[in-house]
C-alpha atoms as a PDB file:
ATOM      1  CA  MET A   1     -10.523   2.720   3.075  1.00  0.00           C
ATOM      2  CA  ARG A   2     -11.202   6.267   3.331  1.00  0.00           C
ATOM      3  CA  SER A   3     -12.331   8.405  -0.064  1.00  0.00           C
ATOM      4  CA  ASN A   4     -12.028  12.072  -0.566  1.00  0.00           C
ATOM      5  CA  PRO A   5     -15.121  13.617  -1.800  1.00  0.00           C
ATOM      6  CA  ALA A   6     -13.033  16.892  -2.729  1.00  0.00           C
ATOM      7  CA  LEU A   7     -11.440  15.267  -5.616  1.00  0.00           C
ATOM      8  CA  LYS A   8     -14.476  13.979  -7.561  1.00  0.00           C
ATOM      9  CA  PRO A   9     -14.943  16.218 -10.843  1.00  0.00           C
ATOM     10  CA  ASP A  10     -17.710  18.200  -9.515  1.00  0.00           C
ATOM     11  CA  ASP A  11     -17.755  18.134  -6.097  1.00  0.00           C
ATOM     12  CA  THR A  12     -15.451  20.952  -5.026  1.00  0.00           C
ATOM     13  CA  GLY A  13     -17.804  22.902  -2.504  1.00  0.00           C
ATOM     14  CA  PRO A  14     -17.405  24.513   1.006  1.00  0.00           C
ATOM     15  CA  GLY A  15     -16.040  22.156   3.422  1.00  0.00           C
ATOM     16  CA  ALA A  16     -15.761  19.134   0.879  1.00  0.00           C
ATOM     17  CA  ALA A  17     -11.885  18.506   1.557  1.00  0.00           C
ATOM     18  CA  PRO A  18     -10.271  17.768   4.629  1.00  0.00           C
ATOM     19  CA  ALA A  19      -8.122  20.255   6.560  1.00  0.00           C
ATOM     20  CA  ALA A  20      -4.534  19.996   5.300  1.00  0.00           C
ATOM     21  CA  ARG A  21      -1.281  22.358   5.599  1.00  0.00           C
ATOM     22  CA  PRO A  22      -0.055  23.727   2.465  1.00  0.00           C
ATOM     23  CA  VAL A  23       2.572  21.826   1.164  1.00  0.00           C
ATOM     24  CA  ARG A  24       6.314  23.377   1.690  1.00  0.00           C
ATOM     25  CA  ALA A  25       9.344  22.086   0.054  1.00  0.00           C
ATOM     26  CA  ALA A  26      12.550  21.800   1.806  1.00  0.00           C
ATOM     27  CA  GLY A  27      15.405  24.338   0.457  1.00  0.00           C
ATOM     28  CA  ASP A  28      15.354  24.760  -3.250  1.00  0.00           C
ATOM     29  CA  ARG A  29      11.836  25.463  -4.536  1.00  0.00           C
ATOM     30  CA  ARG A  30      12.542  23.126  -7.429  1.00  0.00           C
ATOM     31  CA  THR A  31      11.824  20.198  -4.993  1.00  0.00           C
ATOM     32  CA  LEU A  32       8.244  21.601  -4.625  1.00  0.00           C
ATOM     33  CA  PRO A  33       6.285  19.031  -6.972  1.00  0.00           C
ATOM     34  CA  ALA A  34       8.506  15.999  -4.970  1.00  0.00           C
ATOM     35  CA  ALA A  35       7.095  17.294  -1.734  1.00  0.00           C
ATOM     36  CA  VAL A  36       3.646  17.640  -3.300  1.00  0.00           C
ATOM     37  CA  ALA A  37       4.091  14.037  -5.102  1.00  0.00           C
ATOM     38  CA  GLU A  38       4.776  12.897  -1.635  1.00  0.00           C
ATOM     39  CA  GLN A  39       1.546  13.795   0.095  1.00  0.00           C
ATOM     40  CA  LEU A  40      -0.395  12.542  -2.893  1.00  0.00           C
ATOM     41  CA  ARG A  41       1.397   9.344  -2.983  1.00  0.00           C
ATOM     42  CA  GLU A  42       0.752   8.911   1.059  1.00  0.00           C
ATOM     43  CA  ARG A  43      -2.907   9.710   0.467  1.00  0.00           C
ATOM     44  CA  ILE A  44      -3.133   7.032  -2.474  1.00  0.00           C
ATOM     45  CA  ILE A  45      -1.629   4.530  -0.172  1.00  0.00           C
ATOM     46  CA  GLN A  46      -3.876   4.855   2.547  1.00  0.00           C
ATOM     47  CA  GLY A  47      -6.741   4.720   0.545  1.00  0.00           C
ATOM     48  CA  GLU A  48      -8.279   8.315   0.429  1.00  0.00           C
ATOM     49  CA  PHE A  49      -7.877   8.439  -3.295  1.00  0.00           C
ATOM     50  CA  PRO A  50      -9.364   5.354  -4.402  1.00  0.00           C
ATOM     51  CA  PRO A  51      -8.545   3.485  -7.349  1.00  0.00           C
ATOM     52  CA  GLY A  52     -10.279   5.289 -10.221  1.00  0.00           C
ATOM     53  CA  THR A  53     -10.341   8.609  -8.633  1.00  0.00           C
ATOM     54  CA  ARG A  54      -9.946  11.495 -10.993  1.00  0.00           C
ATOM     55  CA  LEU A  55      -7.661  14.095  -9.133  1.00  0.00           C
ATOM     56  CA  ASN A  56      -9.435  17.356  -9.524  1.00  0.00           C
ATOM     57  CA  GLU A  57      -6.792  20.019 -10.027  1.00  0.00           C
ATOM     58  CA  ARG A  58      -8.437  23.431  -8.339  1.00  0.00           C
ATOM     59  CA  ALA A  59      -9.774  21.060  -5.297  1.00  0.00           C
ATOM     60  CA  LEU A  60      -6.004  19.682  -5.055  1.00  0.00           C
ATOM     61  CA  GLY A  61      -4.479  23.025  -5.256  1.00  0.00           C
ATOM     62  CA  ASP A  62      -6.898  24.322  -2.597  1.00  0.00           C
ATOM     63  CA  LEU A  63      -6.395  21.279  -0.383  1.00  0.00           C
ATOM     64  CA  LEU A  64      -2.224  21.747  -0.592  1.00  0.00           C
ATOM     65  CA  GLY A  65      -1.978  25.318  -0.947  1.00  0.00           C
ATOM     66  CA  VAL A  66      -0.178  24.899  -4.331  1.00  0.00           C
ATOM     67  CA  SER A  67      -0.675  26.131  -7.854  1.00  0.00           C
ATOM     68  CA  ARG A  68      -1.411  23.989 -10.936  1.00  0.00           C
ATOM     69  CA  THR A  69       2.465  23.876 -12.166  1.00  0.00           C
ATOM     70  CA  PRO A  70       3.829  22.279  -9.127  1.00  0.00           C
ATOM     71  CA  LEU A  71       0.523  20.069  -9.300  1.00  0.00           C
ATOM     72  CA  ARG A  72       1.163  18.785 -12.399  1.00  0.00           C
ATOM     73  CA  GLU A  73       4.701  18.183 -12.012  1.00  0.00           C
ATOM     74  CA  ALA A  74       3.737  15.905  -9.230  1.00  0.00           C
ATOM     75  CA  PHE A  75       1.185  14.334 -11.205  1.00  0.00           C
ATOM     76  CA  ARG A  76       3.783  13.518 -14.371  1.00  0.00           C
ATOM     77  CA  LEU A  77       6.040  11.890 -11.069  1.00  0.00           C
ATOM     78  CA  LEU A  78       3.300   9.512  -9.916  1.00  0.00           C
ATOM     79  CA  ALA A  79       2.529   8.614 -13.416  1.00  0.00           C
ATOM     80  CA  ALA A  80       6.316   7.455 -13.804  1.00  0.00           C
ATOM     81  CA  GLU A  81       5.625   5.221 -10.616  1.00  0.00           C
ATOM     82  CA  GLY A  82       2.596   3.839 -12.139  1.00  0.00           C
ATOM     83  CA  LEU A  83       0.414   5.144  -9.383  1.00  0.00           C
ATOM     84  CA  VAL A  84      -1.743   7.962 -11.959  1.00  0.00           C
ATOM     85  CA  ARG A  85      -2.538   8.116 -15.409  1.00  0.00           C
ATOM     86  CA  ILE A  86      -2.594  10.966 -17.133  1.00  0.00           C
ATOM     87  CA  GLU A  87      -5.140  11.352 -20.040  1.00  0.00           C
ATOM     88  CA  PRO A  88      -4.988  14.379 -22.742  1.00  0.00           C
ATOM     89  CA  ASN A  89      -7.681  16.534 -22.074  1.00  0.00           C
ATOM     90  CA  ARG A  90      -9.048  14.730 -19.125  1.00  0.00           C
ATOM     91  CA  GLY A  91      -6.389  15.210 -16.333  1.00  0.00           C
ATOM     92  CA  ALA A  92      -4.821  12.626 -13.783  1.00  0.00           C
ATOM     93  CA  GLN A  93      -6.676   9.680 -12.777  1.00  0.00           C
ATOM     94  CA  VAL A  94      -5.576   6.841 -10.171  1.00  0.00           C
ATOM     95  CA  VAL A  95      -4.606   3.914 -11.333  1.00  0.00           C
ATOM     96  CA  ALA A  96      -7.031   0.959 -10.677  1.00  0.00           C
ATOM     97  CA  LEU A  97      -4.996  -2.291 -11.237  1.00  0.00           C
ATOM     98  CA  SER A  98      -6.535  -5.202 -13.221  1.00  0.00           C
ATOM     99  CA  VAL A  99      -6.709  -8.736 -11.432  1.00  0.00           C
ATOM    100  CA  ALA A 100      -3.769  -9.875 -13.722  1.00  0.00           C
ATOM    101  CA  ASP A 101      -1.734  -6.372 -12.715  1.00  0.00           C
ATOM    102  CA  ILE A 102      -2.363  -7.503  -8.829  1.00  0.00           C
ATOM    103  CA  ARG A 103      -1.314 -11.065  -9.500  1.00  0.00           C
ATOM    104  CA  GLU A 104       1.816  -9.937 -11.556  1.00  0.00           C
ATOM    105  CA  ALA A 105       2.636  -7.301  -9.155  1.00  0.00           C
ATOM    106  CA  PHE A 106       2.366  -9.552  -6.057  1.00  0.00           C
ATOM    107  CA  GLU A 107       4.379 -12.170  -8.026  1.00  0.00           C
ATOM    108  CA  VAL A 108       7.418  -9.844  -8.249  1.00  0.00           C
ATOM    109  CA  ILE A 109       7.250  -8.121  -4.834  1.00  0.00           C
ATOM    110  CA  GLY A 110       7.124 -11.464  -3.376  1.00  0.00           C
ATOM    111  CA  GLY A 111      10.114 -12.745  -5.499  1.00  0.00           C
ATOM    112  CA  LEU A 112      12.095  -9.688  -4.610  1.00  0.00           C
ATOM    113  CA  GLU A 113      11.218  -9.823  -0.543  1.00  0.00           C
ATOM    114  CA  ALA A 114      11.977 -13.468  -0.718  1.00  0.00           C
ATOM    115  CA  LEU A 115      15.535 -12.548  -1.996  1.00  0.00           C
ATOM    116  CA  SER A 116      15.790  -9.542   0.549  1.00  0.00           C
ATOM    117  CA  CYS A 117      15.212 -12.166   3.323  1.00  0.00           C
ATOM    118  CA  ARG A 118      17.772 -14.486   2.290  1.00  0.00           C
ATOM    119  CA  TYR A 119      20.221 -11.487   1.790  1.00  0.00           C
ATOM    120  CA  ALA A 120      19.579  -9.836   4.937  1.00  0.00           C
ATOM    121  CA  CYS A 121      19.816 -12.891   6.920  1.00  0.00           C
ATOM    122  CA  GLU A 122      23.568 -13.062   5.664  1.00  0.00           C
ATOM    123  CA  ARG A 123      24.364  -9.502   5.854  1.00  0.00           C
ATOM    124  CA  ALA A 124      22.209  -7.721   8.335  1.00  0.00           C
ATOM    125  CA  THR A 125      23.907  -6.063  11.325  1.00  0.00           C
ATOM    126  CA  GLU A 126      23.067  -7.208  14.677  1.00  0.00           C
ATOM    127  CA  HIS A 127      21.899  -3.466  15.039  1.00  0.00           C
ATOM    128  CA  GLU A 128      19.839  -3.649  11.844  1.00  0.00           C
ATOM    129  CA  ILE A 129      18.100  -6.936  13.385  1.00  0.00           C
ATOM    130  CA  ALA A 130      17.585  -5.300  16.671  1.00  0.00           C
ATOM    131  CA  GLU A 131      15.835  -2.379  15.152  1.00  0.00           C
ATOM    132  CA  ILE A 132      13.451  -4.989  13.297  1.00  0.00           C
ATOM    133  CA  ARG A 133      12.599  -6.650  16.491  1.00  0.00           C
ATOM    134  CA  ALA A 134      11.776  -3.118  18.305  1.00  0.00           C
ATOM    135  CA  LEU A 135       9.327  -2.160  15.295  1.00  0.00           C
ATOM    136  CA  THR A 136       7.914  -5.656  15.278  1.00  0.00           C
ATOM    137  CA  TYR A 137       7.324  -4.977  19.210  1.00  0.00           C
ATOM    138  CA  GLU A 138       5.679  -1.724  18.008  1.00  0.00           C
ATOM    139  CA  MET A 139       3.480  -3.392  15.764  1.00  0.00           C
ATOM    140  CA  MET A 140       2.210  -5.843  18.110  1.00  0.00           C
ATOM    141  CA  ALA A 141       1.557  -2.960  20.680  1.00  0.00           C
ATOM    142  CA  SER A 142      -0.792  -1.031  17.698  1.00  0.00           C
ATOM    143  CA  HIS A 143      -2.211  -4.430  16.948  1.00  0.00           C
ATOM    144  CA  ALA A 144      -3.589  -5.059  20.716  1.00  0.00           C
ATOM    145  CA  ARG A 145      -4.905  -1.459  20.727  1.00  0.00           C
ATOM    146  CA  ARG A 146      -6.164  -2.209  17.110  1.00  0.00           C
ATOM    147  CA  ASP A 147      -4.848   1.056  16.163  1.00  0.00           C
ATOM    148  CA  LEU A 148      -4.517   0.594  12.420  1.00  0.00           C
ATOM    149  CA  PRO A 149      -2.722   3.805  11.019  1.00  0.00           C
ATOM    150  CA  THR A 150       0.249   2.860  13.728  1.00  0.00           C
ATOM    151  CA  TYR A 151       0.363  -0.380  12.580  1.00  0.00           C
ATOM    152  CA  TYR A 152       0.559   0.204   9.329  1.00  0.00           C
ATOM    153  CA  GLY A 153       3.537   2.744   9.771  1.00  0.00           C
ATOM    154  CA  ALA A 154       5.610  -0.121  11.772  1.00  0.00           C
ATOM    155  CA  ASN A 155       4.598  -2.543   8.936  1.00  0.00           C
ATOM    156  CA  ARG A 156       5.768  -0.721   6.068  1.00  0.00           C
ATOM    157  CA  GLU A 157       8.832   0.382   7.800  1.00  0.00           C
ATOM    158  CA  ILE A 158       9.850  -3.211   8.897  1.00  0.00           C
ATOM    159  CA  HIS A 159       9.251  -4.474   5.347  1.00  0.00           C
ATOM    160  CA  ALA A 160      11.656  -1.717   3.771  1.00  0.00           C
ATOM    161  CA  ARG A 161      14.427  -2.482   6.546  1.00  0.00           C
ATOM    162  CA  ILE A 162      14.217  -5.916   5.503  1.00  0.00           C
ATOM    163  CA  SER A 163      15.081  -4.669   2.158  1.00  0.00           C
ATOM    164  CA  GLN A 164      17.637  -2.233   3.268  1.00  0.00           C
ATOM    165  CA  ALA A 165      19.483  -5.100   5.204  1.00  0.00           C
ATOM    166  CA  ALA A 166      19.994  -7.278   2.470  1.00  0.00           C
ATOM    167  CA  HIS A 167      22.795  -4.115   1.341  1.00  0.00           C
ATOM    168  CA  ASN A 168      21.981  -4.471  -2.094  1.00  0.00           C
ATOM    169  CA  GLY A 169      21.268  -1.253  -3.867  1.00  0.00           C
ATOM    170  CA  LEU A 170      19.825  -2.607  -7.044  1.00  0.00           C
ATOM    171  CA  LEU A 171      17.470  -4.947  -5.158  1.00  0.00           C
ATOM    172  CA  THR A 172      16.356  -2.227  -2.843  1.00  0.00           C
ATOM    173  CA  ARG A 173      15.659   0.367  -5.649  1.00  0.00           C
ATOM    174  CA  LEU A 174      13.440  -2.504  -7.463  1.00  0.00           C
ATOM    175  CA  TYR A 175      11.749  -3.278  -4.687  1.00  0.00           C
ATOM    176  CA  GLU A 176      10.883   0.285  -3.913  1.00  0.00           C
ATOM    177  CA  THR A 177       9.719   1.162  -7.488  1.00  0.00           C
ATOM    178  CA  GLN A 178       7.213  -1.928  -7.755  1.00  0.00           C
ATOM    179  CA  ASN A 179       5.948  -1.347  -4.291  1.00  0.00           C
ATOM    180  CA  VAL A 180       4.790   1.642  -4.123  1.00  0.00           C
ATOM    181  CA  ARG A 181       2.214   0.767  -7.152  1.00  0.00           C
ATOM    182  CA  ILE A 182       0.276  -2.070  -4.428  1.00  0.00           C
ATOM    183  CA  GLN A 183       1.193  -0.257  -0.992  1.00  0.00           C
ATOM    184  CA  ASN A 184      -2.233   0.183  -0.650  1.00  0.00           C
ATOM    185  CA  LEU A 185      -3.670  -3.341  -1.457  1.00  0.00           C
ATOM    186  CA  ARG A 186      -1.223  -4.955   1.054  1.00  0.00           C
ATOM    187  CA  PHE A 187      -3.149  -3.886   4.133  1.00  0.00           C
ATOM    188  CA  VAL A 188      -6.500  -4.456   2.913  1.00  0.00           C
ATOM    189  CA  SER A 189      -6.713  -8.132   4.493  1.00  0.00           C
ATOM    190  CA  ASN A 190      -6.128  -6.041   7.718  1.00  0.00           C
ATOM    191  CA  GLU A 191      -9.705  -4.809   7.877  1.00  0.00           C
ATOM    192  CA  ASN A 192     -10.718  -8.489   8.792  1.00  0.00           C
ATOM    193  CA  ARG A 193      -9.736  -9.300  12.499  1.00  0.00           C
ATOM    194  CA  ASP A 194      -8.735 -12.966  11.837  1.00  0.00           C
ATOM    195  CA  LYS A 195      -6.514 -11.868   8.735  1.00  0.00           C
ATOM    196  CA  TRP A 196      -4.930  -8.981  10.743  1.00  0.00           C
ATOM    197  CA  ASP A 197      -4.109 -11.459  13.789  1.00  0.00           C
ATOM    198  CA  GLN A 198      -2.646 -13.802  11.269  1.00  0.00           C
ATOM    199  CA  ALA A 199      -0.637 -11.143   9.553  1.00  0.00           C
ATOM    200  CA  MET A 200       0.614 -10.249  12.884  1.00  0.00           C
ATOM    201  CA  ARG A 201       1.674 -13.700  13.840  1.00  0.00           C
ATOM    202  CA  GLU A 202       3.750 -13.887  10.478  1.00  0.00           C
ATOM    203  CA  HIS A 203       5.505 -10.634  11.440  1.00  0.00           C
ATOM    204  CA  ILE A 204       6.565 -12.275  14.613  1.00  0.00           C
ATOM    205  CA  GLU A 205       7.834 -15.236  12.986  1.00  0.00           C
ATOM    206  CA  MET A 206       9.672 -13.000  10.420  1.00  0.00           C
ATOM    207  CA  ALA A 207      11.665 -11.296  13.224  1.00  0.00           C
ATOM    208  CA  ASP A 208      12.259 -14.802  14.890  1.00  0.00           C
ATOM    209  CA  ALA A 209      13.593 -16.300  11.743  1.00  0.00           C
ATOM    210  CA  LEU A 210      15.790 -13.050  10.837  1.00  0.00           C
ATOM    211  CA  ALA A 211      17.182 -13.200  14.452  1.00  0.00           C
ATOM    212  CA  ALA A 212      18.166 -16.866  14.117  1.00  0.00           C
ATOM    213  CA  ARG A 213      19.188 -15.771  10.511  1.00  0.00           C
ATOM    214  CA  ASP A 214      17.197 -18.920   9.061  1.00  0.00           C
ATOM    215  CA  ALA A 215      17.128 -17.610   5.237  1.00  0.00           C
ATOM    216  CA  GLU A 216      14.925 -20.583   4.110  1.00  0.00           C
ATOM    217  CA  ARG A 217      12.811 -20.314   7.036  1.00  0.00           C
ATOM    218  CA  LEU A 218      12.078 -16.658   6.638  1.00  0.00           C
ATOM    219  CA  ALA A 219      11.940 -16.374   2.777  1.00  0.00           C
ATOM    220  CA  GLY A 220       8.931 -18.918   3.119  1.00  0.00           C
ATOM    221  CA  ILE A 221       7.403 -16.878   5.600  1.00  0.00           C
ATOM    222  CA  MET A 222       7.524 -13.837   3.433  1.00  0.00           C
ATOM    223  CA  ARG A 223       6.232 -15.447   0.340  1.00  0.00           C
ATOM    224  CA  THR A 224       3.018 -16.872   2.325  1.00  0.00           C
ATOM    225  CA  HIS A 225       2.558 -13.324   3.843  1.00  0.00           C
ATOM    226  CA  LEU A 226       2.491 -11.944   0.542  1.00  0.00           C
ATOM    227  CA  GLN A 227       0.473 -14.490  -1.267  1.00  0.00           C
ATOM    228  CA  ARG A 228      -2.332 -13.977   1.601  1.00  0.00           C
ATOM    229  CA  LYS A 229      -2.319 -10.503   0.603  1.00  0.00           C
ATOM    230  CA  CYS A 230      -2.403 -10.958  -2.727  1.00  0.00           C
ATOM    231  CA  ASP A 231      -5.622 -13.425  -1.847  1.00  0.00           C
ATOM    232  CA  ALA A 232      -7.153 -10.517   0.064  1.00  0.00           C
ATOM    233  CA  ALA A 233      -6.785  -7.933  -2.586  1.00  0.00           C
ATOM    234  CA  LEU A 234      -8.458 -10.187  -5.268  1.00  0.00           C
ATOM    235  CA  LYS A 235     -10.986 -10.958  -3.083  1.00  0.00           C
ATOM    236  CA  THR A 236     -12.059  -7.455  -2.224  1.00  0.00           C
ATOM    237  CA  MET A 237     -11.807  -6.539  -5.576  1.00  0.00           C
ATOM    238  CA  ALA A 238     -14.092  -8.854  -6.551  1.00  0.00           C
ATOM    239  CA  HIS A 239     -16.578  -8.063  -3.640  1.00  0.00           C
ATOM    240  CA  ALA A 240     -16.419  -4.461  -4.596  1.00  0.00           C
ATOM    241  CA  LYS A 241     -17.601  -5.383  -8.180  1.00  0.00           C
ATOM    242  CA  ALA A 242     -20.086  -7.926  -7.565  1.00  0.00           C
ATOM    243  CA  PRO A 243     -23.797  -7.306  -8.230  1.00  0.00           C
ATOM    244  CA  PRO A 244     -25.800  -6.447  -4.817  1.00  0.00           C
ATOM    245  CA  GLN A 245     -27.658  -9.572  -3.703  1.00  0.00           C
ATOM    246  CA  HIS A 246     -31.495  -9.885  -3.379  1.00  0.00           C
ATOM    247  CA  PRO A 247     -32.620  -9.904  -0.068  1.00  0.00           C
ATOM    248  CA  ASP A 248     -33.991 -13.051  -0.218  1.00  0.00           C
ATOM    249  CA  PRO A 249     -31.961 -15.251  -2.562  1.00  0.00           C
ATOM    250  CA  ASP A 250     -32.614 -18.396  -3.543  1.00  0.00           C
ATOM    251  CA  PRO A 251     -30.772 -21.760  -2.379  1.00  0.00           C
ATOM    252  CA  GLY A 252     -28.813 -22.014  -5.890  1.00  0.00           C
ATOM    253  CA  GLN A 253     -27.539 -18.605  -5.552  1.00  0.00           C
ATOM    254  CA  CYS A 254     -26.229 -19.286  -2.146  1.00  0.00           C
ATOM    255  CA  MET A 255     -24.650 -22.459  -3.110  1.00  0.00           C
ATOM    256  CA  ALA A 256     -23.139 -20.433  -6.306  1.00  0.00           C
ATOM    257  CA  SER A 257     -21.757 -17.933  -4.048  1.00  0.00           C
ATOM    258  CA  PHE A 258     -20.605 -20.577  -1.325  1.00  0.00           C
ATOM    259  CA  SER A 259     -18.726 -22.065  -4.040  1.00  0.00           C
ATOM    260  CA  ALA A 260     -17.052 -19.132  -5.521  1.00  0.00           C
ATOM    261  CA  ASP A 261     -15.452 -17.956  -2.206  1.00  0.00           C
ATOM    262  CA  SER A 262     -14.173 -21.567  -1.246  1.00  0.00           C
ATOM    263  CA  PRO A 263     -10.629 -22.524  -1.794  1.00  0.00           C
END
């Protein structure tokens, strides 16, 4: 995951921010905060603004080419989604989820996506199934190239398409609302090659189960798939918080570390 040093509170020096086009809203300028929120949302999801990052208004205004008014409105939109926390006199900060938050979020998403799988097997059109299959082929190609950005895009689209293929508007809205909070956590396991290979195999199995309209199989694969994502996210969090190890740890320390990581 990338970090953006331009958004640290005191780091706004020349060259700190990556190049970015000024945000432009389509049509009515009242949609500008939504356009700014979309830019920020994608950067948060992609890990450019990691959990806990304080969003510096001046640096972001320069980066996105907008004034503070639409930027603050965008912060409020993201706060409503649970991505950003706004603190009085301190500004906005990317939300850092706790272990309990992550477990609960993945439990809810797992249930919503498993339900979407069941309805999609019943209600999806042949065209929708073919589109999901085509996206799976795109994922396979990007996986073979080790092209993570393209893989991520196809992956996100497949999960969204399965939700839409359930043809239940309320279910889709609930999924979208909850998913945005943990979107950046869903792909952390792909930084490990073996886990990425496993995720790719599961997506191929999902496409096969959907084509066969096997609701039980598809829902089961999806739950397992998301449980793996949850486990990977929690393990990444644990490693990030762990104190650095002594260069030459004693055997007791090694055994304790091994036991903690063992199933």
